[in-house]
Amino acid sequence: MNKFPIRVYSKKELALCYFPESTPHSAVKQLMAWIKRNDDLLSRLQATSYKCQSKTFSPRQVEIIIEYLGTPDGYD
């Protein structure tokens, strides 16, 4: 398996990593629902200056998301 690359991702790009069979719009909605349901995850993201209207996730934010949600399928 490949290591998941930690870098800047657009919301759409990261969402499609987690939901590759979904449309981009649906994938973003699903990812954001997962994030909003997890109070600890959302708080940690907000501590990095994350805002819900942000279009991208920083490398640090991606690390936090992976810490809570795990890596997308196909990566270790």
PDB file of N, CA and C in Angstrom:
ATOM      1  N   MET A   1       0.832  -1.186   0.000  1.00  0.00           N
ATOM      2  CA  MET A   1       0.000   0.000   0.000  1.00  0.00           C
ATOM      3  C   MET A   1       0.874   1.247   0.000  1.00  0.00           C
ATOM      4  N   ASN A   2       0.300   2.328  -0.465  1.00  0.00           N
ATOM      5  CA  ASN A   2       1.000   3.610  -0.506  1.00  0.00           C
ATOM      6  C   ASN A   2       0.691   4.431   0.734  1.00  0.00           C
ATOM      7  N   LYS A   3       1.660   5.235   1.131  1.00  0.00           N
ATOM      8  CA  LYS A   3       1.442   6.156   2.235  1.00  0.00           C
ATOM      9  C   LYS A   3       0.628   7.334   1.709  1.00  0.00           C
ATOM     10  N   PHE A   4      -0.378   7.751   2.470  1.00  0.00           N
ATOM     11  CA  PHE A   4      -1.229   8.863   2.048  1.00  0.00           C
ATOM     12  C   PHE A   4      -0.421  10.151   2.098  1.00  0.00           C
ATOM     13  N   PRO A   5      -0.338  10.889   0.982  1.00  0.00           N
ATOM     14  CA  PRO A   5       0.451  12.126   0.968  1.00  0.00           C
ATOM     15  C   PRO A   5      -0.198  13.235   1.804  1.00  0.00           C
ATOM     16  N   ILE A   6       0.593  13.802   2.693  1.00  0.00           N
ATOM     17  CA  ILE A   6       0.129  14.918   3.521  1.00  0.00           C
ATOM     18  C   ILE A   6       0.543  16.201   2.810  1.00  0.00           C
ATOM     19  N   ARG A   7      -0.451  16.974   2.386  1.00  0.00           N
ATOM     20  CA  ARG A   7      -0.217  18.215   1.652  1.00  0.00           C
ATOM     21  C   ARG A   7      -1.497  19.026   1.692  1.00  0.00           C
ATOM     22  N   VAL A   8      -1.526  20.169   1.054  1.00  0.00           N
ATOM     23  CA  VAL A   8      -2.756  20.955   0.938  1.00  0.00           C
ATOM     24  C   VAL A   8      -3.719  20.202   0.015  1.00  0.00           C
ATOM     25  N   TYR A   9      -4.975  20.087   0.445  1.00  0.00           N
ATOM     26  CA  TYR A   9      -6.039  19.479  -0.358  1.00  0.00           C
ATOM     27  C   TYR A   9      -7.216  20.435  -0.419  1.00  0.00           C
ATOM     28  N   SER A  10      -7.848  20.504  -1.563  1.00  0.00           N
ATOM     29  CA  SER A  10      -9.144  21.178  -1.595  1.00  0.00           C
ATOM     30  C   SER A  10     -10.130  20.258  -0.882  1.00  0.00           C
ATOM     31  N   LYS A  11     -11.224  20.826  -0.420  1.00  0.00           N
ATOM     32  CA  LYS A  11     -12.240  19.993   0.234  1.00  0.00           C
ATOM     33  C   LYS A  11     -12.701  18.894  -0.706  1.00  0.00           C
ATOM     34  N   LYS A  12     -12.929  19.273  -1.958  1.00  0.00           N
ATOM     35  CA  LYS A  12     -13.401  18.298  -2.942  1.00  0.00           C
ATOM     36  C   LYS A  12     -12.388  17.174  -3.136  1.00  0.00           C
ATOM     37  N   GLU A  13     -11.131  17.542  -3.256  1.00  0.00           N
ATOM     38  CA  GLU A  13     -10.086  16.557  -3.492  1.00  0.00           C
ATOM     39  C   GLU A  13      -9.975  15.565  -2.333  1.00  0.00           C
ATOM     40  N   LEU A  14      -9.962  16.075  -1.098  1.00  0.00           N
ATOM     41  CA  LEU A  14      -9.861  15.179   0.052  1.00  0.00           C
ATOM     42  C   LEU A  14     -11.131  14.350   0.199  1.00  0.00           C
ATOM     43  N   ALA A  15     -12.275  14.968  -0.001  1.00  0.00           N
ATOM     44  CA  ALA A  15     -13.542  14.236   0.114  1.00  0.00           C
ATOM     45  C   ALA A  15     -13.598  13.070  -0.865  1.00  0.00           C
ATOM     46  N   LEU A  16     -13.111  13.290  -2.080  1.00  0.00           N
ATOM     47  CA  LEU A  16     -13.130  12.214  -3.073  1.00  0.00           C
ATOM     48  C   LEU A  16     -12.145  11.097  -2.734  1.00  0.00           C
ATOM     49  N   CYS A  17     -11.129  11.391  -1.932  1.00  0.00           N
ATOM     50  CA  CYS A  17     -10.245  10.326  -1.443  1.00  0.00           C
ATOM     51  C   CYS A  17     -11.008   9.397  -0.509  1.00  0.00           C
ATOM     52  N   TYR A  18     -11.877   9.962   0.321  1.00  0.00           N
ATOM     53  CA  TYR A  18     -12.673   9.172   1.258  1.00  0.00           C
ATOM     54  C   TYR A  18     -13.907   8.548   0.603  1.00  0.00           C
ATOM     55  N   PHE A  19     -14.469   9.219  -0.395  1.00  0.00           N
ATOM     56  CA  PHE A  19     -15.703   8.751  -1.045  1.00  0.00           C
ATOM     57  C   PHE A  19     -15.516   8.733  -2.562  1.00  0.00           C
ATOM     58  N   PRO A  20     -14.654   7.866  -3.073  1.00  0.00           N
ATOM     59  CA  PRO A  20     -14.324   7.893  -4.502  1.00  0.00           C
ATOM     60  C   PRO A  20     -15.488   7.538  -5.432  1.00  0.00           C
ATOM     61  N   GLU A  21     -16.479   6.871  -4.923  1.00  0.00           N
ATOM     62  CA  GLU A  21     -17.612   6.476  -5.761  1.00  0.00           C
ATOM     63  C   GLU A  21     -18.701   7.546  -5.803  1.00  0.00           C
ATOM     64  N   SER A  22     -18.544   8.596  -5.012  1.00  0.00           N
ATOM     65  CA  SER A  22     -19.554   9.661  -4.944  1.00  0.00           C
ATOM     66  C   SER A  22     -19.259  10.764  -5.950  1.00  0.00           C
ATOM     67  N   THR A  23     -20.267  11.573  -6.210  1.00  0.00           N
ATOM     68  CA  THR A  23     -20.033  12.781  -6.998  1.00  0.00           C
ATOM     69  C   THR A  23     -19.237  13.743  -6.117  1.00  0.00           C
ATOM     70  N   PRO A  24     -18.533  14.692  -6.711  1.00  0.00           N
ATOM     71  CA  PRO A  24     -17.776  15.645  -5.882  1.00  0.00           C
ATOM     72  C   PRO A  24     -18.643  16.359  -4.846  1.00  0.00           C
ATOM     73  N   HIS A  25     -19.807  16.818  -5.254  1.00  0.00           N
ATOM     74  CA  HIS A  25     -20.699  17.530  -4.331  1.00  0.00           C
ATOM     75  C   HIS A  25     -21.121  16.628  -3.167  1.00  0.00           C
ATOM     76  N   SER A  26     -21.510  15.414  -3.478  1.00  0.00           N
ATOM     77  CA  SER A  26     -21.940  14.476  -2.447  1.00  0.00           C
ATOM     78  C   SER A  26     -20.778  14.103  -1.523  1.00  0.00           C
ATOM     79  N   ALA A  27     -19.598  13.908  -2.089  1.00  0.00           N
ATOM     80  CA  ALA A  27     -18.428  13.551  -1.288  1.00  0.00           C
ATOM     81  C   ALA A  27     -18.106  14.654  -0.283  1.00  0.00           C
ATOM     82  N   VAL A  28     -18.156  15.912  -0.713  1.00  0.00           N
ATOM     83  CA  VAL A  28     -17.891  17.029   0.202  1.00  0.00           C
ATOM     84  C   VAL A  28     -18.946  17.067   1.295  1.00  0.00           C
ATOM     85  N   LYS A  29     -20.205  16.896   0.949  1.00  0.00           N
ATOM     86  CA  LYS A  29     -21.267  16.899   1.957  1.00  0.00           C
ATOM     87  C   LYS A  29     -21.046  15.791   2.990  1.00  0.00           C
ATOM     88  N   GLN A  30     -20.664  14.610   2.521  1.00  0.00           N
ATOM     89  CA  GLN A  30     -20.439  13.491   3.433  1.00  0.00           C
ATOM     90  C   GLN A  30     -19.247  13.765   4.353  1.00  0.00           C
ATOM     91  N   LEU A  31     -18.145  14.240   3.791  1.00  0.00           N
ATOM     92  CA  LEU A  31     -16.971  14.518   4.613  1.00  0.00           C
ATOM     93  C   LEU A  31     -17.278  15.591   5.653  1.00  0.00           C
ATOM     94  N   MET A  32     -17.945  16.646   5.236  1.00  0.00           N
ATOM     95  CA  MET A  32     -18.257  17.723   6.172  1.00  0.00           C
ATOM     96  C   MET A  32     -19.228  17.248   7.254  1.00  0.00           C
ATOM     97  N   ALA A  33     -20.128  16.355   6.918  1.00  0.00           N
ATOM     98  CA  ALA A  33     -21.037  15.795   7.928  1.00  0.00           C
ATOM     99  C   ALA A  33     -20.244  14.995   8.957  1.00  0.00           C
ATOM    100  N   TRP A  34     -19.273  14.210   8.509  1.00  0.00           N
ATOM    101  CA  TRP A  34     -18.432  13.450   9.432  1.00  0.00           C
ATOM    102  C   TRP A  34     -17.684  14.391  10.363  1.00  0.00           C
ATOM    103  N   ILE A  35     -17.122  15.459   9.792  1.00  0.00           N
ATOM    104  CA  ILE A  35     -16.348  16.414  10.588  1.00  0.00           C
ATOM    105  C   ILE A  35     -17.249  17.123  11.596  1.00  0.00           C
ATOM    106  N   LYS A  36     -18.407  17.579  11.165  1.00  0.00           N
ATOM    107  CA  LYS A  36     -19.303  18.325  12.053  1.00  0.00           C
ATOM    108  C   LYS A  36     -19.885  17.465  13.169  1.00  0.00           C
ATOM    109  N   ARG A  37     -20.026  16.166  12.923  1.00  0.00           N
ATOM    110  CA  ARG A  37     -20.550  15.257  13.952  1.00  0.00           C
ATOM    111  C   ARG A  37     -19.529  14.962  15.046  1.00  0.00           C
ATOM    112  N   ASN A  38     -18.252  15.182  14.753  1.00  0.00           N
ATOM    113  CA  ASN A  38     -17.203  14.862  15.711  1.00  0.00           C
ATOM    114  C   ASN A  38     -16.719  16.159  16.355  1.00  0.00           C
ATOM    115  N   ASP A  39     -17.230  16.461  17.541  1.00  0.00           N
ATOM    116  CA  ASP A  39     -16.915  17.728  18.213  1.00  0.00           C
ATOM    117  C   ASP A  39     -15.420  17.905  18.455  1.00  0.00           C
ATOM    118  N   ASP A  40     -14.728  16.831  18.861  1.00  0.00           N
ATOM    119  CA  ASP A  40     -13.290  16.932  19.116  1.00  0.00           C
ATOM    120  C   ASP A  40     -12.531  17.255  17.827  1.00  0.00           C
ATOM    121  N   LEU A  41     -12.878  16.580  16.752  1.00  0.00           N
ATOM    122  CA  LEU A  41     -12.235  16.839  15.462  1.00  0.00           C
ATOM    123  C   LEU A  41     -12.480  18.270  15.025  1.00  0.00           C
ATOM    124  N   LEU A  42     -13.707  18.718  15.084  1.00  0.00           N
ATOM    125  CA  LEU A  42     -14.031  20.077  14.667  1.00  0.00           C
ATOM    126  C   LEU A  42     -13.289  21.105  15.524  1.00  0.00           C
ATOM    127  N   SER A  43     -13.216  20.882  16.819  1.00  0.00           N
ATOM    128  CA  SER A  43     -12.492  21.799  17.707  1.00  0.00           C
ATOM    129  C   SER A  43     -11.012  21.855  17.368  1.00  0.00           C
ATOM    130  N   ARG A  44     -10.429  20.708  17.100  1.00  0.00           N
ATOM    131  CA  ARG A  44      -9.003  20.681  16.739  1.00  0.00           C
ATOM    132  C   ARG A  44      -8.765  21.405  15.427  1.00  0.00           C
ATOM    133  N   LEU A  45      -9.658  21.228  14.468  1.00  0.00           N
ATOM    134  CA  LEU A  45      -9.508  21.937  13.186  1.00  0.00           C
ATOM    135  C   LEU A  45      -9.649  23.444  13.396  1.00  0.00           C
ATOM    136  N   GLN A  46     -10.622  23.838  14.187  1.00  0.00           N
ATOM    137  CA  GLN A  46     -10.843  25.270  14.434  1.00  0.00           C
ATOM    138  C   GLN A  46      -9.647  25.901  15.141  1.00  0.00           C
ATOM    139  N   ALA A  47      -8.924  25.132  15.935  1.00  0.00           N
ATOM    140  CA  ALA A  47      -7.726  25.641  16.611  1.00  0.00           C
ATOM    141  C   ALA A  47      -6.599  25.930  15.615  1.00  0.00           C
ATOM    142  N   THR A  48      -6.735  25.435  14.386  1.00  0.00           N
ATOM    143  CA  THR A  48      -5.735  25.697  13.336  1.00  0.00           C
ATOM    144  C   THR A  48      -6.225  26.778  12.382  1.00  0.00           C
ATOM    145  N   SER A  49      -7.202  27.556  12.801  1.00  0.00           N
ATOM    146  CA  SER A  49      -7.804  28.639  12.001  1.00  0.00           C
ATOM    147  C   SER A  49      -8.728  28.128  10.898  1.00  0.00           C
ATOM    148  N   TYR A  50      -9.164  26.884  10.994  1.00  0.00           N
ATOM    149  CA  TYR A  50     -10.113  26.337  10.026  1.00  0.00           C
ATOM    150  C   TYR A  50     -11.467  27.029  10.193  1.00  0.00           C
ATOM    151  N   LYS A  51     -12.092  27.348   9.097  1.00  0.00           N
ATOM    152  CA  LYS A  51     -13.458  27.878   9.053  1.00  0.00           C
ATOM    153  C   LYS A  51     -14.266  26.983   8.120  1.00  0.00           C
ATOM    154  N   CYS A  52     -15.545  26.808   8.412  1.00  0.00           N
ATOM    155  CA  CYS A  52     -16.397  25.940   7.581  1.00  0.00           C
ATOM    156  C   CYS A  52     -16.409  26.373   6.118  1.00  0.00           C
ATOM    157  N   GLN A  53     -16.273  27.667   5.866  1.00  0.00           N
ATOM    158  CA  GLN A  53     -16.299  28.149   4.483  1.00  0.00           C
ATOM    159  C   GLN A  53     -14.945  28.043   3.789  1.00  0.00           C
ATOM    160  N   SER A  54     -13.908  27.560   4.502  1.00  0.00           N
ATOM    161  CA  SER A  54     -12.595  27.367   3.877  1.00  0.00           C
ATOM    162  C   SER A  54     -12.719  26.414   2.698  1.00  0.00           C
ATOM    163  N   LYS A  55     -11.959  26.675   1.664  1.00  0.00           N
ATOM    164  CA  LYS A  55     -11.997  25.830   0.459  1.00  0.00           C
ATOM    165  C   LYS A  55     -10.927  24.746   0.477  1.00  0.00           C
ATOM    166  N   THR A  56      -9.924  24.914   1.358  1.00  0.00           N
ATOM    167  CA  THR A  56      -8.818  23.953   1.404  1.00  0.00           C
ATOM    168  C   THR A  56      -8.532  23.532   2.838  1.00  0.00           C
ATOM    169  N   PHE A  57      -7.831  22.404   2.947  1.00  0.00           N
ATOM    170  CA  PHE A  57      -7.299  21.933   4.211  1.00  0.00           C
ATOM    171  C   PHE A  57      -5.786  22.036   4.144  1.00  0.00           C
ATOM    172  N   SER A  58      -5.174  22.594   5.178  1.00  0.00           N
ATOM    173  CA  SER A  58      -3.712  22.679   5.257  1.00  0.00           C
ATOM    174  C   SER A  58      -3.154  21.285   5.548  1.00  0.00           C
ATOM    175  N   PRO A  59      -1.853  21.097   5.353  1.00  0.00           N
ATOM    176  CA  PRO A  59      -1.263  19.798   5.712  1.00  0.00           C
ATOM    177  C   PRO A  59      -1.537  19.419   7.174  1.00  0.00           C
ATOM    178  N   ARG A  60      -1.459  20.365   8.089  1.00  0.00           N
ATOM    179  CA  ARG A  60      -1.736  20.066   9.503  1.00  0.00           C
ATOM    180  C   ARG A  60      -3.186  19.638   9.690  1.00  0.00           C
ATOM    181  N   GLN A  61      -4.108  20.299   9.011  1.00  0.00           N
ATOM    182  CA  GLN A  61      -5.520  19.937   9.105  1.00  0.00           C
ATOM    183  C   GLN A  61      -5.761  18.544   8.535  1.00  0.00           C
ATOM    184  N   VAL A  62      -5.081  18.204   7.458  1.00  0.00           N
ATOM    185  CA  VAL A  62      -5.198  16.858   6.875  1.00  0.00           C
ATOM    186  C   VAL A  62      -4.704  15.822   7.881  1.00  0.00           C
ATOM    187  N   GLU A  63      -3.593  16.108   8.555  1.00  0.00           N
ATOM    188  CA  GLU A  63      -3.098  15.178   9.579  1.00  0.00           C
ATOM    189  C   GLU A  63      -4.131  14.964  10.685  1.00  0.00           C
ATOM    190  N   ILE A  64      -4.779  16.037  11.104  1.00  0.00           N
ATOM    191  CA  ILE A  64      -5.795  15.932  12.158  1.00  0.00           C
ATOM    192  C   ILE A  64      -6.984  15.110  11.671  1.00  0.00           C
ATOM    193  N   ILE A  65      -7.429  15.357  10.463  1.00  0.00           N
ATOM    194  CA  ILE A  65      -8.560  14.600   9.904  1.00  0.00           C
ATOM    195  C   ILE A  65      -8.218  13.117   9.859  1.00  0.00           C
ATOM    196  N   ILE A  66      -7.025  12.794   9.408  1.00  0.00           N
ATOM    197  CA  ILE A  66      -6.607  11.391   9.328  1.00  0.00           C
ATOM    198  C   ILE A  66      -6.509  10.770  10.719  1.00  0.00           C
ATOM    199  N   GLU A  67      -6.071  11.546  11.685  1.00  0.00           N
ATOM    200  CA  GLU A  67      -5.997  11.060  13.066  1.00  0.00           C
ATOM    201  C   GLU A  67      -7.370  10.605  13.547  1.00  0.00           C
ATOM    202  N   TYR A  68      -8.418  11.324  13.184  1.00  0.00           N
ATOM    203  CA  TYR A  68      -9.774  10.994  13.644  1.00  0.00           C
ATOM    204  C   TYR A  68     -10.514  10.036  12.708  1.00  0.00           C
ATOM    205  N   LEU A  69     -10.332  10.203  11.402  1.00  0.00           N
ATOM    206  CA  LEU A  69     -11.114   9.408  10.448  1.00  0.00           C
ATOM    207  C   LEU A  69     -10.329   8.242   9.840  1.00  0.00           C
ATOM    208  N   GLY A  70      -9.043   8.206  10.078  1.00  0.00           N
ATOM    209  CA  GLY A  70      -8.203   7.189   9.453  1.00  0.00           C
ATOM    210  C   GLY A  70      -7.835   7.604   8.039  1.00  0.00           C
ATOM    211  N   THR A  71      -6.955   6.836   7.434  1.00  0.00           N
ATOM    212  CA  THR A  71      -6.569   7.158   6.062  1.00  0.00           C
ATOM    213  C   THR A  71      -7.643   6.648   5.101  1.00  0.00           C
ATOM    214  N   PRO A  72      -7.782   7.300   3.965  1.00  0.00           N
ATOM    215  CA  PRO A  72      -8.731   6.795   2.969  1.00  0.00           C
ATOM    216  C   PRO A  72      -8.351   5.382   2.527  1.00  0.00           C
ATOM    217  N   ASP A  73      -9.317   4.625   2.066  1.00  0.00           N
ATOM    218  CA  ASP A  73      -9.061   3.262   1.593  1.00  0.00           C
ATOM    219  C   ASP A  73      -7.971   3.276   0.523  1.00  0.00           C
ATOM    220  N   GLY A  74      -7.133   2.258   0.570  1.00  0.00           N
ATOM    221  CA  GLY A  74      -6.060   2.112  -0.413  1.00  0.00           C
ATOM    222  C   GLY A  74      -4.743   2.711   0.047  1.00  0.00           C
ATOM    223  N   TYR A  75      -4.734   3.312   1.243  1.00  0.00           N
ATOM    224  CA  TYR A  75      -3.510   3.895   1.794  1.00  0.00           C
ATOM    225  C   TYR A  75      -3.279   3.331   3.176  1.00  0.00           C
ATOM    226  N   ASP A  76      -2.025   3.441   3.621  1.00  0.00           N
ATOM    227  CA  ASP A  76      -1.732   3.028   4.992  1.00  0.00           C
ATOM    228  C   ASP A  76      -1.208   4.179   5.791  1.00  0.00           C
TER     229      ASP A  76
END
